C-alpha atoms as a PDB file:
ATOM      1  CA  MET A   1     -30.950  -6.311  23.418  1.00  0.00           C
ATOM      2  CA  THR A   2     -30.057  -6.672  19.715  1.00  0.00           C
ATOM      3  CA  THR A   3     -28.386  -9.843  18.529  1.00  0.00           C
ATOM      4  CA  ASP A   4     -26.299 -10.356  15.406  1.00  0.00           C
ATOM      5  CA  ASN A   5     -29.279 -12.071  13.782  1.00  0.00           C
ATOM      6  CA  ASP A   6     -31.493  -9.058  14.509  1.00  0.00           C
ATOM      7  CA  ASP A   7     -28.881  -6.774  12.952  1.00  0.00           C
ATOM      8  CA  GLN A   8     -28.775  -8.997   9.862  1.00  0.00           C
ATOM      9  CA  ARG A   9     -32.498  -8.501   9.311  1.00  0.00           C
ATOM     10  CA  ASN A  10     -31.943  -4.754   8.790  1.00  0.00           C
ATOM     11  CA  TYR A  11     -30.400  -5.495   5.372  1.00  0.00           C
ATOM     12  CA  PHE A  12     -31.968  -6.594   2.103  1.00  0.00           C
ATOM     13  CA  ARG A  13     -31.066 -10.204   1.461  1.00  0.00           C
ATOM     14  CA  VAL A  14     -30.768 -11.732  -2.008  1.00  0.00           C
ATOM     15  CA  SER A  15     -30.117 -15.196  -3.368  1.00  0.00           C
ATOM     16  CA  ASP A  16     -26.903 -15.295  -5.336  1.00  0.00           C
ATOM     17  CA  THR A  17     -24.102 -17.519  -6.578  1.00  0.00           C
ATOM     18  CA  ALA A  18     -20.463 -17.251  -5.503  1.00  0.00           C
ATOM     19  CA  ILE A  19     -17.160 -19.027  -5.378  1.00  0.00           C
ATOM     20  CA  LEU A  20     -16.305 -18.969  -1.681  1.00  0.00           C
ATOM     21  CA  GLU A  21     -13.143 -19.795   0.215  1.00  0.00           C
ATOM     22  CA  TYR A  22     -12.661 -19.266   3.933  1.00  0.00           C
ATOM     23  CA  ILE A  23      -9.918 -19.674   6.507  1.00  0.00           C
ATOM     24  CA  LEU A  24     -10.603 -19.748  10.243  1.00  0.00           C
ATOM     25  CA  VAL A  25      -8.837 -16.975  12.159  1.00  0.00           C
ATOM     26  CA  SER A  26      -8.830 -15.572  15.688  1.00  0.00           C
ATOM     27  CA  GLN A  27     -10.398 -12.364  16.989  1.00  0.00           C
ATOM     28  CA  ASN A  28      -6.882 -11.018  17.628  1.00  0.00           C
ATOM     29  CA  GLU A  29      -5.998 -11.412  13.951  1.00  0.00           C
ATOM     30  CA  ILE A  30      -9.016  -9.324  12.947  1.00  0.00           C
ATOM     31  CA  ASP A  31      -8.331  -6.686  15.602  1.00  0.00           C
ATOM     32  CA  GLY A  32      -4.683  -6.478  14.595  1.00  0.00           C
ATOM     33  CA  SER A  33      -3.228  -4.975  11.468  1.00  0.00           C
ATOM     34  CA  LYS A  34      -3.724  -8.086   9.313  1.00  0.00           C
ATOM     35  CA  LYS A  35      -5.968  -7.785   6.291  1.00  0.00           C
ATOM     36  CA  PRO A  36      -8.119 -10.569   4.839  1.00  0.00           C
ATOM     37  CA  GLU A  37      -5.958 -10.480   1.678  1.00  0.00           C
ATOM     38  CA  SER A  38      -2.993 -11.806   3.656  1.00  0.00           C
ATOM     39  CA  TYR A  39      -4.697 -15.217   4.077  1.00  0.00           C
ATOM     40  CA  PHE A  40      -5.190 -16.039   0.398  1.00  0.00           C
ATOM     41  CA  SER A  41      -3.057 -16.419  -2.658  1.00  0.00           C
ATOM     42  CA  SER A  42      -4.745 -14.152  -5.154  1.00  0.00           C
ATOM     43  CA  SER A  43      -4.814 -14.738  -8.836  1.00  0.00           C
ATOM     44  CA  ALA A  44      -4.188 -11.970 -11.315  1.00  0.00           C
ATOM     45  CA  GLU A  45      -7.776 -12.476 -12.523  1.00  0.00           C
ATOM     46  CA  PHE A  46      -9.179 -11.799  -9.061  1.00  0.00           C
ATOM     47  CA  TRP A  47      -7.339  -8.480  -8.845  1.00  0.00           C
ATOM     48  CA  LEU A  48      -8.269  -7.606 -12.428  1.00  0.00           C
ATOM     49  CA  LEU A  49     -11.951  -8.017 -11.617  1.00  0.00           C
ATOM     50  CA  ARG A  50     -11.551  -6.105  -8.379  1.00  0.00           C
ATOM     51  CA  GLU A  51      -9.909  -3.185 -10.186  1.00  0.00           C
ATOM     52  CA  LEU A  52     -12.518  -3.195 -12.962  1.00  0.00           C
ATOM     53  CA  GLN A  53     -15.275  -2.968 -10.344  1.00  0.00           C
ATOM     54  CA  THR A  54     -13.468  -0.138  -8.551  1.00  0.00           C
ATOM     55  CA  ILE A  55     -13.049   1.770 -11.824  1.00  0.00           C
ATOM     56  CA  ASP A  56     -16.749   1.281 -12.607  1.00  0.00           C
ATOM     57  CA  HIS A  57     -17.689   2.604  -9.185  1.00  0.00           C
ATOM     58  CA  ASP A  58     -15.319   5.572  -9.434  1.00  0.00           C
ATOM     59  CA  ASN A  59     -16.598   6.515 -12.902  1.00  0.00           C
ATOM     60  CA  SER A  60     -20.315   5.983 -12.334  1.00  0.00           C
ATOM     61  CA  HIS A  61     -20.971   9.663 -11.629  1.00  0.00           C
ATOM     62  CA  LEU A  62     -19.077  10.652 -14.815  1.00  0.00           C
ATOM     63  CA  LEU A  63     -21.151   8.270 -16.907  1.00  0.00           C
ATOM     64  CA  LYS A  64     -24.320   9.702 -15.405  1.00  0.00           C
ATOM     65  CA  THR A  65     -23.204  13.234 -16.308  1.00  0.00           C
ATOM     66  CA  ILE A  66     -22.317  12.160 -19.859  1.00  0.00           C
ATOM     67  CA  SER A  67     -25.678  10.402 -20.146  1.00  0.00           C
ATOM     68  CA  GLU A  68     -27.500  13.608 -19.227  1.00  0.00           C
ATOM     69  CA  ARG A  69     -25.615  15.519 -21.955  1.00  0.00           C
ATOM     70  CA  ASP A  70     -25.417  12.945 -24.738  1.00  0.00           C
ATOM     71  CA  ARG A  71     -27.292   9.653 -24.573  1.00  0.00           C
ATOM     72  CA  GLU A  72     -25.579   8.199 -27.657  1.00  0.00           C
ATOM     73  CA  ILE A  73     -22.073   8.631 -26.254  1.00  0.00           C
ATOM     74  CA  ALA A  74     -23.211   7.234 -22.910  1.00  0.00           C
ATOM     75  CA  SER A  75     -24.767   4.242 -24.680  1.00  0.00           C
ATOM     76  CA  TYR A  76     -21.535   3.652 -26.587  1.00  0.00           C
ATOM     77  CA  LEU A  77     -19.452   3.828 -23.395  1.00  0.00           C
ATOM     78  CA  LYS A  78     -21.813   1.379 -21.676  1.00  0.00           C
ATOM     79  CA  SER A  79     -21.451  -1.073 -24.565  1.00  0.00           C
ATOM     80  CA  ILE A  80     -17.640  -0.853 -24.325  1.00  0.00           C
ATOM     81  CA  ASN A  81     -17.940  -1.498 -20.606  1.00  0.00           C
ATOM     82  CA  ARG A  82     -20.111  -4.582 -21.301  1.00  0.00           C
ATOM     83  CA  LYS A  83     -17.444  -5.870 -23.716  1.00  0.00           C
ATOM     84  CA  ILE A  84     -14.761  -5.517 -21.050  1.00  0.00           C
ATOM     85  CA  ASP A  85     -17.007  -7.249 -18.496  1.00  0.00           C
ATOM     86  CA  LEU A  86     -17.672 -10.094 -20.924  1.00  0.00           C
ATOM     87  CA  LEU A  87     -13.944 -10.593 -21.535  1.00  0.00           C
ATOM     88  CA  ALA A  88     -13.224 -10.583 -17.794  1.00  0.00           C
ATOM     89  CA  THR A  89     -16.076 -13.033 -17.107  1.00  0.00           C
ATOM     90  CA  THR A  90     -14.853 -15.415 -19.802  1.00  0.00           C
ATOM     91  CA  LEU A  91     -11.319 -15.239 -18.408  1.00  0.00           C
ATOM     92  CA  ILE A  92     -12.515 -16.088 -14.893  1.00  0.00           C
ATOM     93  CA  GLN A  93     -14.717 -18.952 -16.080  1.00  0.00           C
ATOM     94  CA  GLN A  94     -11.845 -20.463 -18.049  1.00  0.00           C
ATOM     95  CA  ASN A  95      -9.582 -20.333 -15.011  1.00  0.00           C
ATOM     96  CA  HIS A  96     -12.196 -21.862 -12.698  1.00  0.00           C
ATOM     97  CA  LYS A  97     -12.883 -24.878 -14.923  1.00  0.00           C
ATOM     98  CA  ASN A  98     -10.180 -26.887 -13.141  1.00  0.00           C
ATOM     99  CA  ASP A  99     -10.708 -25.213  -9.781  1.00  0.00           C
ATOM    100  CA  GLU A 100     -11.875 -27.272  -6.805  1.00  0.00           C
ATOM    101  CA  ASN A 101     -13.935 -24.327  -5.533  1.00  0.00           C
ATOM    102  CA  LEU A 102     -17.123 -24.484  -7.548  1.00  0.00           C
ATOM    103  CA  PRO A 103     -19.819 -21.811  -7.536  1.00  0.00           C
ATOM    104  CA  GLN A 104     -22.437 -22.375  -4.854  1.00  0.00           C
ATOM    105  CA  ASP A 105     -25.771 -20.832  -3.949  1.00  0.00           C
ATOM    106  CA  ILE A 106     -25.580 -18.254  -1.179  1.00  0.00           C
ATOM    107  CA  SER A 107     -27.787 -15.739   0.566  1.00  0.00           C
ATOM    108  CA  LEU A 108     -26.173 -12.303   0.639  1.00  0.00           C
ATOM    109  CA  SER A 109     -26.711  -8.909   2.240  1.00  0.00           C
ATOM    110  CA  GLU A 110     -24.547  -5.911   3.018  1.00  0.00           C
ATOM    111  CA  GLY A 111     -24.274  -7.299   6.540  1.00  0.00           C
ATOM    112  CA  GLY A 112     -23.367 -10.902   5.882  1.00  0.00           C
ATOM    113  CA  ILE A 113     -23.626 -14.147   3.978  1.00  0.00           C
ATOM    114  CA  ALA A 114     -25.217 -17.573   4.440  1.00  0.00           C
ATOM    115  CA  PHE A 115     -23.797 -20.651   2.709  1.00  0.00           C
ATOM    116  CA  PHE A 116     -23.593 -24.422   3.003  1.00  0.00           C
ATOM    117  CA  SER A 117     -20.490 -26.023   4.482  1.00  0.00           C
ATOM    118  CA  LYS A 118     -19.511 -29.631   5.073  1.00  0.00           C
ATOM    119  CA  GLU A 119     -18.174 -28.824   8.524  1.00  0.00           C
ATOM    120  CA  GLU A 120     -19.991 -27.376  11.502  1.00  0.00           C
ATOM    121  CA  LEU A 121     -18.455 -24.038  12.398  1.00  0.00           C
ATOM    122  CA  PRO A 122     -18.771 -22.896  16.027  1.00  0.00           C
ATOM    123  CA  LEU A 123     -20.737 -19.766  16.875  1.00  0.00           C
ATOM    124  CA  LYS A 124     -18.589 -16.621  16.993  1.00  0.00           C
ATOM    125  CA  GLN A 125     -15.803 -18.345  15.034  1.00  0.00           C
ATOM    126  CA  HIS A 126     -13.958 -15.689  13.033  1.00  0.00           C
ATOM    127  CA  MET A 127     -12.868 -16.210   9.446  1.00  0.00           C
ATOM    128  CA  ALA A 128     -11.239 -14.544   6.484  1.00  0.00           C
ATOM    129  CA  MET A 129     -13.320 -15.005   3.315  1.00  0.00           C
ATOM    130  CA  LYS A 130     -12.570 -14.712  -0.361  1.00  0.00           C
ATOM    131  CA  LEU A 131     -15.712 -14.231  -2.460  1.00  0.00           C
ATOM    132  CA  ASN A 132     -16.174 -14.141  -6.212  1.00  0.00           C
ATOM    133  CA  LEU A 133     -19.778 -13.061  -6.703  1.00  0.00           C
ATOM    134  CA  MET A 134     -21.470 -14.298  -9.860  1.00  0.00           C
ATOM    135  CA  PRO A 135     -22.457 -13.300 -12.475  1.00  0.00           C
ATOM    136  CA  SER A 136     -20.980  -9.829 -11.913  1.00  0.00           C
ATOM    137  CA  ASN A 137     -17.617 -11.353 -10.930  1.00  0.00           C
ATOM    138  CA  ILE A 138     -17.054  -8.984  -8.030  1.00  0.00           C
ATOM    139  CA  GLY A 139     -14.079 -10.075  -5.942  1.00  0.00           C
ATOM    140  CA  LEU A 140     -14.064  -9.422  -2.197  1.00  0.00           C
ATOM    141  CA  MET A 141     -11.796 -10.449   0.659  1.00  0.00           C
ATOM    142  CA  ILE A 142     -13.419  -9.760   4.008  1.00  0.00           C
ATOM    143  CA  PHE A 143     -13.547 -10.825   7.646  1.00  0.00           C
ATOM    144  CA  GLY A 144     -16.620 -12.286   9.301  1.00  0.00           C
ATOM    145  CA  HIS A 145     -17.819 -14.323  12.256  1.00  0.00           C
ATOM    146  CA  VAL A 146     -20.352 -17.133  12.505  1.00  0.00           C
ATOM    147  CA  VAL A 147     -23.715 -16.069  13.928  1.00  0.00           C
ATOM    148  CA  GLU A 148     -25.712 -19.238  13.223  1.00  0.00           C
ATOM    149  CA  THR A 149     -25.161 -22.783  12.023  1.00  0.00           C
ATOM    150  CA  ASN A 150     -27.798 -25.467  11.431  1.00  0.00           C
ATOM    151  CA  TYR A 151     -27.585 -28.942   9.946  1.00  0.00           C
ATOM    152  CA  GLN A 152     -29.798 -29.262   6.857  1.00  0.00           C
ATOM    153  CA  GLU A 153     -30.897 -32.871   6.451  1.00  0.00           C
ATOM    154  CA  GLN A 154     -31.922 -32.472   2.815  1.00  0.00           C
ATOM    155  CA  GLU A 155     -28.573 -30.942   1.792  1.00  0.00           C
ATOM    156  CA  GLN A 156     -26.591 -33.075   4.251  1.00  0.00           C
ATOM    157  CA  LYS A 157     -24.561 -29.971   5.023  1.00  0.00           C
ATOM    158  CA  PHE A 158     -24.530 -27.167   7.553  1.00  0.00           C
ATOM    159  CA  ARG A 159     -26.156 -23.866   6.674  1.00  0.00           C
ATOM    160  CA  THR A 160     -23.759 -21.313   8.101  1.00  0.00           C
ATOM    161  CA  SER A 161     -24.639 -17.644   8.570  1.00  0.00           C
ATOM    162  CA  VAL A 162     -21.742 -15.194   8.835  1.00  0.00           C
ATOM    163  CA  SER A 163     -21.816 -11.524   9.768  1.00  0.00           C
ATOM    164  CA  PHE A 164     -19.223  -9.323   8.067  1.00  0.00           C
ATOM    165  CA  VAL A 165     -16.676  -7.676  10.378  1.00  0.00           C
ATOM    166  CA  SER A 166     -14.667  -4.497   9.701  1.00  0.00           C
ATOM    167  CA  LEU A 167     -16.050  -4.193   6.176  1.00  0.00           C
ATOM    168  CA  GLN A 168     -14.199  -1.493   4.259  1.00  0.00           C
ATOM    169  CA  GLU A 169     -16.289   1.279   2.718  1.00  0.00           C
ATOM    170  CA  GLY A 170     -15.256   0.396  -0.844  1.00  0.00           C
ATOM    171  CA  ASP A 171     -16.322  -3.219  -0.293  1.00  0.00           C
ATOM    172  CA  ARG A 172     -19.623  -2.055   1.202  1.00  0.00           C
ATOM    173  CA  HIS A 173     -20.301   0.052  -1.915  1.00  0.00           C
ATOM    174  CA  LEU A 174     -19.499  -2.866  -4.231  1.00  0.00           C
ATOM    175  CA  LEU A 175     -21.807  -5.154  -2.239  1.00  0.00           C
ATOM    176  CA  ALA A 176     -24.620  -2.599  -2.182  1.00  0.00           C
ATOM    177  CA  ARG A 177     -24.374  -2.054  -5.929  1.00  0.00           C
ATOM    178  CA  HIS A 178     -24.276  -5.786  -6.627  1.00  0.00           C
ATOM    179  CA  ILE A 179     -27.341  -6.390  -4.438  1.00  0.00           C
ATOM    180  CA  MET A 180     -29.254  -3.518  -6.076  1.00  0.00           C
ATOM    181  CA  GLN A 181     -28.463  -4.963  -9.531  1.00  0.00           C
ATOM    182  CA  LEU A 182     -29.765  -8.372  -8.454  1.00  0.00           C
ATOM    183  CA  GLN A 183     -32.921  -6.805  -7.019  1.00  0.00           C
ATOM    184  CA  SER A 184     -33.497  -4.811 -10.214  1.00  0.00           C
ATOM    185  CA  ALA A 185     -33.030  -7.924 -12.358  1.00  0.00           C
ATOM    186  CA  ALA A 186     -35.483  -9.844 -10.141  1.00  0.00           C
ATOM    187  CA  GLN A 187     -38.036  -7.015 -10.470  1.00  0.00           C
ATOM    188  CA  ARG A 188     -37.650  -6.971 -14.276  1.00  0.00           C
ATOM    189  CA  ASP A 189     -38.121 -10.741 -14.399  1.00  0.00           C
ATOM    190  CA  LYS A 190     -41.194 -10.477 -12.201  1.00  0.00           C
ATOM    191  CA  LEU A 191     -42.712  -7.777 -14.426  1.00  0.00           C
ATOM    192  CA  GLN A 192     -42.047  -9.816 -17.564  1.00  0.00           C
ATOM    193  CA  LEU A 193     -43.856 -12.802 -16.058  1.00  0.00           C
ATOM    194  CA  SER A 194     -46.869 -10.653 -15.143  1.00  0.00           C
END
């Protein structure tokens, strides 16, 4: 028999940083027509970042085609994209300076997330989550349920593992791309240290 934890091990897991908010919900709310977005007040910046990521994903195949034809134009378009990303990142950081939700270290995969919480969350507890993944500033609102929780003496907090539930395909693509970018950056860093 496969448990949620066994399923989680089928995904690549990376260490990351995120601003995380969650609200406890019932199984019925997830099974119904409610969406995770309905539980959070969303800032214009969150939706801006979300749309920028969607546009990047939608245009990635076009940029690849342009790159095959003309590397200089592709390089120019990538630099414009980096400028837009830098502006968006600066905007988000400015707005989070006075925010009570500070970035925290997380462990992330396409299947779920692990984070530290002050409260012990019961196994199988469902939740709606709002994630701002750093440094790429990807914004996600998703459902999940608790698969493991352990008190960490050193942190004096609970390490909570959550499995994503009803993840939309677009969100899955954004997560996969974000994780691949983190893995590539880690590989580059490792090669530079060698």
